Amino acid sequence: MNAKTFIRLLESKDIPDIAKAFGELGWDKPASQYETYYAEQESGACKVFVAFVNGSFAGYLTICWSSTYPPFQEANIPEIVDFNVLPKYRRQRVGTQLMDKAESEIVKVSPVAGIGVGMTADYGAAQRLYVLRGYIPDGRGLHYRGHHVKYGEETLVDDSMAMYLTKELK
């Protein structure tokens, strides 16, 4: 049987199911996080797209129209943030379809999309996906908690360490 993927904007009714799905994985993604995303979406600060496979929640991503990453903010580059696909739906093109949707929205307001990606092996699938989609590093190196890491600097590698990439949209 072929899986049917459906993508739409986040609705408040989705929040309990999303929080429950990530809670079952032991991930710290409480309902309050999605309530904030929903409020930001309602204010126009972002868009949150959710994916469903055969009616079941499968993943989401958020587009922030004004990035918190200073180089993107200064250049007015919208940023794709907090992109997650549940493990059981990976390698089924759910992430690809979410990225297609995000890029089709971003190109309406910007010729460039931005994204940050973590540096640990946990982010390996995302790192590969972004490169295969044509994202390239912005050339500023690693970014950690508000600053770019300098040569010789000692720092902690955790979920806050990222490399930022951009893609020219057609």
N, C-alpha and C. Protein backbone atom coordinates (compact mmCIF):
# COMPACT_ATOMS: atom_id res chain seq x y z
N MET A 1 0.83 -1.17 0.00
CA MET A 1 0.00 0.00 0.00
C MET A 1 0.89 1.25 0.00
N ASN A 2 0.57 2.23 -0.82
CA ASN A 2 1.32 3.47 -0.87
C ASN A 2 0.87 4.40 0.24
N ALA A 3 1.84 4.98 0.93
CA ALA A 3 1.53 5.94 1.99
C ALA A 3 1.15 7.27 1.36
N LYS A 4 0.16 7.92 1.92
CA LYS A 4 -0.29 9.23 1.45
C LYS A 4 0.16 10.28 2.45
N THR A 5 0.99 11.23 1.98
CA THR A 5 1.48 12.30 2.83
C THR A 5 0.68 13.56 2.54
N PHE A 6 0.27 14.23 3.60
CA PHE A 6 -0.48 15.47 3.52
C PHE A 6 0.22 16.51 4.38
N ILE A 7 0.45 17.70 3.83
CA ILE A 7 1.13 18.77 4.57
C ILE A 7 0.22 19.99 4.63
N ARG A 8 0.15 20.57 5.83
CA ARG A 8 -0.65 21.78 6.02
C ARG A 8 -0.06 22.58 7.17
N LEU A 9 -0.59 23.78 7.37
CA LEU A 9 -0.17 24.61 8.50
C LEU A 9 -0.61 24.00 9.82
N LEU A 10 0.19 24.25 10.85
CA LEU A 10 -0.14 23.81 12.20
C LEU A 10 -1.48 24.39 12.64
N GLU A 11 -2.29 23.56 13.27
CA GLU A 11 -3.54 23.98 13.88
C GLU A 11 -3.45 23.67 15.37
N SER A 12 -4.14 24.44 16.19
CA SER A 12 -4.06 24.24 17.64
C SER A 12 -4.45 22.82 18.04
N LYS A 13 -5.36 22.21 17.30
CA LYS A 13 -5.80 20.85 17.63
C LYS A 13 -4.68 19.81 17.45
N ASP A 14 -3.61 20.16 16.72
CA ASP A 14 -2.51 19.24 16.47
C ASP A 14 -1.56 19.11 17.67
N ILE A 15 -1.54 20.13 18.51
CA ILE A 15 -0.52 20.24 19.55
C ILE A 15 -0.45 19.04 20.48
N PRO A 16 -1.55 18.54 21.03
CA PRO A 16 -1.43 17.38 21.93
C PRO A 16 -0.82 16.15 21.25
N ASP A 17 -1.22 15.89 20.01
CA ASP A 17 -0.69 14.72 19.30
C ASP A 17 0.80 14.87 19.00
N ILE A 18 1.24 16.07 18.67
CA ILE A 18 2.65 16.29 18.39
C ILE A 18 3.48 16.10 19.66
N ALA A 19 3.05 16.73 20.74
CA ALA A 19 3.78 16.59 22.00
C ALA A 19 3.82 15.13 22.46
N LYS A 20 2.71 14.44 22.29
CA LYS A 20 2.65 13.02 22.69
C LYS A 20 3.61 12.17 21.85
N ALA A 21 3.65 12.41 20.55
CA ALA A 21 4.52 11.63 19.66
C ALA A 21 5.99 11.78 20.06
N PHE A 22 6.41 13.01 20.36
CA PHE A 22 7.80 13.21 20.75
C PHE A 22 8.06 12.74 22.17
N GLY A 23 7.06 12.88 23.04
CA GLY A 23 7.20 12.38 24.40
C GLY A 23 7.42 10.88 24.43
N GLU A 24 6.74 10.15 23.53
CA GLU A 24 6.92 8.70 23.45
C GLU A 24 8.33 8.32 23.03
N LEU A 25 9.02 9.24 22.36
CA LEU A 25 10.42 8.99 21.96
C LEU A 25 11.40 9.42 23.05
N GLY A 26 10.87 10.06 24.11
CA GLY A 26 11.73 10.55 25.17
C GLY A 26 12.39 11.88 24.83
N TRP A 27 11.87 12.58 23.82
CA TRP A 27 12.42 13.87 23.41
C TRP A 27 11.73 14.97 24.19
N ASP A 28 12.48 15.98 24.58
CA ASP A 28 11.95 17.09 25.35
C ASP A 28 11.33 18.13 24.42
N LYS A 29 10.11 17.88 23.99
CA LYS A 29 9.36 18.76 23.11
C LYS A 29 7.93 18.87 23.66
N PRO A 30 7.76 19.68 24.72
CA PRO A 30 6.46 19.78 25.38
C PRO A 30 5.43 20.55 24.56
N ALA A 31 4.18 20.39 24.92
CA ALA A 31 3.10 21.09 24.23
C ALA A 31 3.32 22.60 24.23
N SER A 32 3.92 23.14 25.28
CA SER A 32 4.16 24.59 25.36
C SER A 32 5.01 25.09 24.20
N GLN A 33 5.93 24.27 23.71
CA GLN A 33 6.76 24.65 22.56
C GLN A 33 5.89 24.88 21.34
N TYR A 34 4.92 24.02 21.11
CA TYR A 34 4.06 24.12 19.94
C TYR A 34 2.98 25.19 20.12
N GLU A 35 2.62 25.44 21.37
CA GLU A 35 1.70 26.55 21.64
C GLU A 35 2.39 27.87 21.28
N THR A 36 3.68 27.98 21.60
CA THR A 36 4.45 29.17 21.23
C THR A 36 4.55 29.28 19.72
N TYR A 37 4.86 28.17 19.05
CA TYR A 37 4.95 28.18 17.59
C TYR A 37 3.62 28.61 16.97
N TYR A 38 2.54 28.09 17.53
CA TYR A 38 1.22 28.44 16.99
C TYR A 38 0.94 29.93 17.16
N ALA A 39 1.27 30.47 18.32
CA ALA A 39 1.08 31.91 18.56
C ALA A 39 1.95 32.73 17.61
N GLU A 40 3.19 32.30 17.38
CA GLU A 40 4.07 33.00 16.45
C GLU A 40 3.52 32.93 15.03
N GLN A 41 2.95 31.79 14.68
CA GLN A 41 2.33 31.65 13.36
C GLN A 41 1.14 32.59 13.23
N GLU A 42 0.32 32.65 14.27
CA GLU A 42 -0.85 33.52 14.25
C GLU A 42 -0.45 35.00 14.12
N SER A 43 0.71 35.36 14.68
CA SER A 43 1.18 36.75 14.62
C SER A 43 1.87 37.07 13.29
N GLY A 44 2.15 36.03 12.50
CA GLY A 44 2.83 36.23 11.21
C GLY A 44 4.34 36.15 11.28
N ALA A 45 4.89 35.84 12.45
CA ALA A 45 6.34 35.76 12.60
C ALA A 45 6.93 34.51 11.96
N CYS A 46 6.12 33.47 11.82
CA CYS A 46 6.60 32.22 11.25
C CYS A 46 5.44 31.44 10.64
N LYS A 47 5.80 30.37 9.97
CA LYS A 47 4.82 29.38 9.51
C LYS A 47 5.33 28.02 9.97
N VAL A 48 4.42 27.20 10.45
CA VAL A 48 4.76 25.85 10.89
C VAL A 48 3.97 24.88 10.03
N PHE A 49 4.69 24.07 9.28
CA PHE A 49 4.05 23.07 8.44
C PHE A 49 4.15 21.71 9.12
N VAL A 50 3.03 21.00 9.16
CA VAL A 50 2.98 19.67 9.75
C VAL A 50 2.66 18.66 8.65
N ALA A 51 3.28 17.49 8.77
CA ALA A 51 3.07 16.42 7.80
C ALA A 51 2.35 15.26 8.48
N PHE A 52 1.44 14.67 7.72
CA PHE A 52 0.70 13.51 8.17
C PHE A 52 0.85 12.42 7.12
N VAL A 53 1.06 11.20 7.56
CA VAL A 53 1.12 10.05 6.65
C VAL A 53 -0.07 9.16 6.99
N ASN A 54 -0.92 8.95 6.00
CA ASN A 54 -2.15 8.18 6.20
C ASN A 54 -2.92 8.65 7.44
N GLY A 55 -2.93 9.97 7.63
CA GLY A 55 -3.68 10.57 8.72
C GLY A 55 -2.96 10.68 10.06
N SER A 56 -1.77 10.08 10.16
CA SER A 56 -1.03 10.13 11.43
C SER A 56 0.08 11.17 11.36
N PHE A 57 0.28 11.91 12.46
CA PHE A 57 1.34 12.91 12.51
C PHE A 57 2.69 12.26 12.21
N ALA A 58 3.47 12.89 11.31
CA ALA A 58 4.76 12.33 10.91
C ALA A 58 5.94 13.28 11.11
N GLY A 59 5.69 14.59 11.11
CA GLY A 59 6.80 15.53 11.27
C GLY A 59 6.36 16.96 11.04
N TYR A 60 7.31 17.88 11.18
CA TYR A 60 7.01 19.29 10.99
C TYR A 60 8.29 20.08 10.74
N LEU A 61 8.13 21.29 10.29
CA LEU A 61 9.22 22.26 10.25
C LEU A 61 8.64 23.64 10.40
N THR A 62 9.50 24.56 10.81
CA THR A 62 9.10 25.94 11.05
C THR A 62 9.93 26.86 10.17
N ILE A 63 9.29 27.84 9.57
CA ILE A 63 9.98 28.90 8.84
C ILE A 63 9.89 30.16 9.68
N CYS A 64 11.02 30.71 10.06
CA CYS A 64 11.06 32.00 10.76
C CYS A 64 11.40 33.06 9.72
N TRP A 65 10.51 34.02 9.58
CA TRP A 65 10.72 35.06 8.57
C TRP A 65 11.85 36.00 8.95
N SER A 66 12.10 36.15 10.24
CA SER A 66 13.22 36.95 10.72
C SER A 66 14.07 36.05 11.61
N SER A 67 15.20 35.61 11.10
CA SER A 67 16.06 34.67 11.79
C SER A 67 16.69 35.30 13.03
N THR A 68 17.00 34.48 14.01
CA THR A 68 17.76 34.95 15.17
C THR A 68 19.26 34.86 14.91
N TYR A 69 19.66 34.20 13.82
CA TYR A 69 21.08 34.11 13.44
C TYR A 69 21.45 35.43 12.77
N PRO A 70 22.34 36.22 13.38
CA PRO A 70 22.60 37.58 12.88
C PRO A 70 22.90 37.72 11.38
N PRO A 71 23.75 36.89 10.78
CA PRO A 71 23.99 37.07 9.34
C PRO A 71 22.73 36.91 8.49
N PHE A 72 21.84 35.98 8.87
CA PHE A 72 20.58 35.82 8.13
C PHE A 72 19.67 37.01 8.40
N GLN A 73 19.63 37.43 9.65
CA GLN A 73 18.76 38.55 10.01
C GLN A 73 19.18 39.81 9.25
N GLU A 74 20.48 40.08 9.20
CA GLU A 74 20.99 41.27 8.51
C GLU A 74 20.69 41.23 7.01
N ALA A 75 20.69 40.04 6.42
CA ALA A 75 20.47 39.89 4.98
C ALA A 75 19.01 39.57 4.65
N ASN A 76 18.14 39.58 5.65
CA ASN A 76 16.72 39.26 5.46
C ASN A 76 16.51 37.88 4.84
N ILE A 77 17.26 36.91 5.31
CA ILE A 77 17.14 35.54 4.83
C ILE A 77 16.23 34.76 5.79
N PRO A 78 15.06 34.31 5.34
CA PRO A 78 14.22 33.47 6.20
C PRO A 78 14.95 32.17 6.54
N GLU A 79 14.69 31.67 7.74
CA GLU A 79 15.39 30.47 8.19
C GLU A 79 14.41 29.33 8.47
N ILE A 80 14.75 28.16 7.98
CA ILE A 80 14.03 26.93 8.32
C ILE A 80 14.63 26.45 9.63
N VAL A 81 13.77 26.32 10.63
CA VAL A 81 14.24 25.90 11.96
C VAL A 81 13.39 24.75 12.49
N ASP A 82 13.94 24.07 13.47
CA ASP A 82 13.24 22.99 14.17
C ASP A 82 12.48 22.08 13.21
N PHE A 83 13.25 21.35 12.43
CA PHE A 83 12.74 20.44 11.40
C PHE A 83 12.89 19.02 11.95
N ASN A 84 11.77 18.33 12.13
CA ASN A 84 11.79 16.99 12.70
C ASN A 84 10.81 16.06 11.99
N VAL A 85 11.28 14.88 11.69
CA VAL A 85 10.43 13.81 11.17
C VAL A 85 10.57 12.64 12.15
N LEU A 86 9.44 12.10 12.57
CA LEU A 86 9.47 10.96 13.49
C LEU A 86 10.27 9.82 12.85
N PRO A 87 11.08 9.12 13.65
CA PRO A 87 11.93 8.06 13.08
C PRO A 87 11.20 7.05 12.21
N LYS A 88 9.98 6.66 12.59
CA LYS A 88 9.29 5.63 11.80
C LYS A 88 8.84 6.13 10.43
N TYR A 89 8.91 7.46 10.20
CA TYR A 89 8.52 8.01 8.90
C TYR A 89 9.71 8.50 8.08
N ARG A 90 10.91 8.29 8.58
CA ARG A 90 12.09 8.72 7.84
C ARG A 90 12.33 7.79 6.65
N ARG A 91 12.99 8.34 5.65
CA ARG A 91 13.31 7.61 4.42
C ARG A 91 12.05 7.25 3.64
N GLN A 92 10.99 8.05 3.84
CA GLN A 92 9.74 7.89 3.10
C GLN A 92 9.37 9.19 2.39
N ARG A 93 10.33 10.09 2.25
CA ARG A 93 10.19 11.36 1.54
C ARG A 93 9.36 12.40 2.30
N VAL A 94 9.06 12.14 3.57
CA VAL A 94 8.31 13.11 4.36
C VAL A 94 9.14 14.38 4.53
N GLY A 95 10.40 14.23 4.91
CA GLY A 95 11.29 15.38 5.07
C GLY A 95 11.47 16.14 3.77
N THR A 96 11.62 15.43 2.68
CA THR A 96 11.76 16.07 1.37
C THR A 96 10.53 16.89 1.03
N GLN A 97 9.36 16.33 1.31
CA GLN A 97 8.13 17.06 1.01
C GLN A 97 7.97 18.29 1.90
N LEU A 98 8.37 18.18 3.17
CA LEU A 98 8.32 19.35 4.04
C LEU A 98 9.28 20.43 3.55
N MET A 99 10.48 20.03 3.15
CA MET A 99 11.45 21.01 2.64
C MET A 99 10.96 21.63 1.34
N ASP A 100 10.36 20.84 0.46
CA ASP A 100 9.79 21.39 -0.79
C ASP A 100 8.76 22.47 -0.46
N LYS A 101 7.90 22.18 0.51
CA LYS A 101 6.86 23.13 0.90
C LYS A 101 7.49 24.40 1.46
N ALA A 102 8.46 24.25 2.34
CA ALA A 102 9.12 25.41 2.94
C ALA A 102 9.79 26.28 1.88
N GLU A 103 10.52 25.66 0.98
CA GLU A 103 11.21 26.43 -0.06
C GLU A 103 10.22 27.12 -0.99
N SER A 104 9.09 26.49 -1.26
CA SER A 104 8.09 27.12 -2.13
C SER A 104 7.45 28.33 -1.44
N GLU A 105 7.40 28.34 -0.13
CA GLU A 105 6.90 29.50 0.62
C GLU A 105 7.96 30.59 0.71
N ILE A 106 9.19 30.20 0.99
CA ILE A 106 10.27 31.18 1.16
C ILE A 106 10.53 31.94 -0.13
N VAL A 107 10.52 31.25 -1.27
CA VAL A 107 10.85 31.90 -2.55
C VAL A 107 9.86 33.02 -2.88
N LYS A 108 8.70 33.03 -2.25
CA LYS A 108 7.73 34.10 -2.47
C LYS A 108 8.21 35.44 -1.89
N VAL A 109 9.14 35.37 -0.91
CA VAL A 109 9.60 36.59 -0.25
C VAL A 109 11.12 36.78 -0.30
N SER A 110 11.86 35.74 -0.67
CA SER A 110 13.31 35.82 -0.66
C SER A 110 13.90 34.86 -1.70
N PRO A 111 14.97 35.28 -2.39
CA PRO A 111 15.62 34.36 -3.32
C PRO A 111 16.55 33.36 -2.64
N VAL A 112 16.70 33.49 -1.31
CA VAL A 112 17.62 32.65 -0.55
C VAL A 112 16.91 32.09 0.68
N ALA A 113 17.15 30.81 0.96
CA ALA A 113 16.67 30.17 2.19
C ALA A 113 17.88 29.86 3.05
N GLY A 114 17.70 29.96 4.36
CA GLY A 114 18.76 29.61 5.29
C GLY A 114 18.33 28.49 6.20
N ILE A 115 19.33 27.77 6.73
CA ILE A 115 19.05 26.68 7.67
C ILE A 115 20.31 26.44 8.49
N GLY A 116 20.12 26.06 9.75
CA GLY A 116 21.24 25.67 10.60
C GLY A 116 21.14 24.18 10.86
N VAL A 117 22.28 23.55 11.04
CA VAL A 117 22.27 22.11 11.32
C VAL A 117 23.29 21.80 12.41
N GLY A 118 22.89 20.91 13.32
CA GLY A 118 23.76 20.49 14.40
C GLY A 118 24.96 19.72 13.88
N MET A 119 25.98 19.63 14.72
CA MET A 119 27.25 19.06 14.31
C MET A 119 27.52 17.66 14.82
N THR A 120 26.60 17.08 15.58
CA THR A 120 26.83 15.72 16.06
C THR A 120 26.23 14.70 15.08
N ALA A 121 26.57 13.45 15.29
CA ALA A 121 26.07 12.38 14.42
C ALA A 121 24.55 12.29 14.44
N ASP A 122 23.92 12.76 15.51
CA ASP A 122 22.45 12.76 15.57
C ASP A 122 21.85 13.55 14.42
N TYR A 123 22.60 14.50 13.88
CA TYR A 123 22.13 15.35 12.79
C TYR A 123 22.63 14.87 11.42
N GLY A 124 23.24 13.69 11.38
CA GLY A 124 23.83 13.20 10.14
C GLY A 124 22.85 13.13 8.98
N ALA A 125 21.65 12.63 9.21
CA ALA A 125 20.67 12.53 8.12
C ALA A 125 20.30 13.92 7.61
N ALA A 126 20.14 14.87 8.52
CA ALA A 126 19.82 16.24 8.11
C ALA A 126 20.98 16.86 7.34
N GLN A 127 22.20 16.64 7.81
CA GLN A 127 23.38 17.18 7.11
C GLN A 127 23.41 16.70 5.67
N ARG A 128 23.18 15.42 5.49
CA ARG A 128 23.19 14.85 4.14
C ARG A 128 22.04 15.41 3.29
N LEU A 129 20.84 15.48 3.88
CA LEU A 129 19.68 15.98 3.15
C LEU A 129 19.93 17.40 2.65
N TYR A 130 20.44 18.26 3.50
CA TYR A 130 20.64 19.66 3.11
C TYR A 130 21.66 19.78 1.98
N VAL A 131 22.74 19.03 2.06
CA VAL A 131 23.74 19.07 0.99
C VAL A 131 23.14 18.56 -0.32
N LEU A 132 22.42 17.46 -0.26
CA LEU A 132 21.80 16.91 -1.47
C LEU A 132 20.77 17.87 -2.07
N ARG A 133 20.18 18.73 -1.25
CA ARG A 133 19.19 19.70 -1.74
C ARG A 133 19.86 20.98 -2.25
N GLY A 134 21.18 21.08 -2.14
CA GLY A 134 21.88 22.24 -2.67
C GLY A 134 22.22 23.32 -1.66
N TYR A 135 22.07 23.05 -0.39
CA TYR A 135 22.47 24.00 0.65
C TYR A 135 23.98 23.96 0.80
N ILE A 136 24.58 25.14 0.94
CA ILE A 136 26.03 25.21 1.13
C ILE A 136 26.34 26.03 2.38
N PRO A 137 27.44 25.72 3.06
CA PRO A 137 27.79 26.49 4.26
C PRO A 137 27.94 27.98 3.94
N ASP A 138 27.57 28.82 4.90
CA ASP A 138 27.65 30.26 4.68
C ASP A 138 29.08 30.79 4.81
N GLY A 139 30.02 29.92 5.15
CA GLY A 139 31.43 30.30 5.18
C GLY A 139 31.87 30.93 6.49
N ARG A 140 31.03 30.96 7.48
CA ARG A 140 31.38 31.59 8.75
C ARG A 140 31.79 30.57 9.82
N GLY A 141 31.81 29.29 9.48
CA GLY A 141 32.22 28.27 10.44
C GLY A 141 31.14 27.92 11.44
N LEU A 142 31.59 27.35 12.54
CA LEU A 142 30.66 26.89 13.57
C LEU A 142 30.13 28.05 14.39
N HIS A 143 28.88 27.92 14.80
CA HIS A 143 28.22 28.95 15.61
C HIS A 143 27.75 28.28 16.89
N TYR A 144 28.04 28.91 18.02
CA TYR A 144 27.67 28.32 19.30
C TYR A 144 27.18 29.40 20.26
N ARG A 145 25.94 29.29 20.65
CA ARG A 145 25.34 30.17 21.66
C ARG A 145 25.67 31.64 21.44
N GLY A 146 25.34 32.11 20.24
CA GLY A 146 25.44 33.54 19.99
C GLY A 146 26.73 34.05 19.38
N HIS A 147 27.70 33.17 19.14
CA HIS A 147 28.93 33.65 18.51
C HIS A 147 29.55 32.56 17.63
N HIS A 148 30.38 33.01 16.70
CA HIS A 148 31.11 32.07 15.86
C HIS A 148 32.35 31.61 16.62
N VAL A 149 32.58 30.31 16.58
CA VAL A 149 33.69 29.71 17.29
C VAL A 149 34.99 30.11 16.59
N LYS A 150 35.94 30.53 17.39
CA LYS A 150 37.23 30.97 16.85
C LYS A 150 38.25 29.84 16.95
N TYR A 151 39.24 29.90 16.09
CA TYR A 151 40.33 28.91 16.09
C TYR A 151 40.95 28.81 17.49
N GLY A 152 41.07 27.60 18.00
CA GLY A 152 41.68 27.37 19.30
C GLY A 152 40.74 27.50 20.48
N GLU A 153 39.53 27.98 20.25
CA GLU A 153 38.56 28.15 21.32
C GLU A 153 38.04 26.79 21.78
N GLU A 154 37.99 26.59 23.08
CA GLU A 154 37.40 25.38 23.61
C GLU A 154 35.92 25.63 23.86
N THR A 155 35.11 24.67 23.46
CA THR A 155 33.67 24.82 23.62
C THR A 155 33.03 23.45 23.77
N LEU A 156 31.82 23.43 24.22
CA LEU A 156 31.06 22.21 24.38
C LEU A 156 30.32 21.90 23.08
N VAL A 157 30.34 20.66 22.67
CA VAL A 157 29.56 20.27 21.50
C VAL A 157 28.25 19.69 22.01
N ASP A 158 27.17 20.43 21.71
CA ASP A 158 25.84 19.99 22.08
C ASP A 158 24.87 20.47 21.01
N ASP A 159 23.58 20.44 21.29
CA ASP A 159 22.59 20.83 20.29
C ASP A 159 22.65 22.30 19.92
N SER A 160 23.37 23.11 20.67
CA SER A 160 23.49 24.53 20.36
C SER A 160 24.59 24.82 19.33
N MET A 161 25.45 23.85 19.06
CA MET A 161 26.50 24.05 18.06
C MET A 161 25.94 23.74 16.68
N ALA A 162 26.09 24.70 15.78
CA ALA A 162 25.52 24.52 14.44
C ALA A 162 26.41 25.14 13.38
N MET A 163 26.20 24.67 12.18
CA MET A 163 26.75 25.30 10.99
C MET A 163 25.53 25.79 10.22
N TYR A 164 25.65 26.99 9.67
CA TYR A 164 24.54 27.58 8.92
C TYR A 164 24.81 27.49 7.43
N LEU A 165 23.75 27.19 6.70
CA LEU A 165 23.84 26.99 5.26
C LEU A 165 22.78 27.82 4.55
N THR A 166 23.03 28.09 3.27
CA THR A 166 22.05 28.81 2.47
C THR A 166 21.86 28.09 1.14
N LYS A 167 20.74 28.40 0.53
CA LYS A 167 20.43 27.86 -0.80
C LYS A 167 19.80 28.96 -1.63
N GLU A 168 20.31 29.13 -2.84
CA GLU A 168 19.68 30.03 -3.81
C GLU A 168 18.47 29.30 -4.35
N LEU A 169 17.31 29.92 -4.22
CA LEU A 169 16.07 29.30 -4.69
C LEU A 169 15.79 29.78 -6.12
N LYS A 170 15.19 28.93 -6.91
CA LYS A 170 14.92 29.27 -8.31
C LYS A 170 13.48 29.71 -8.46
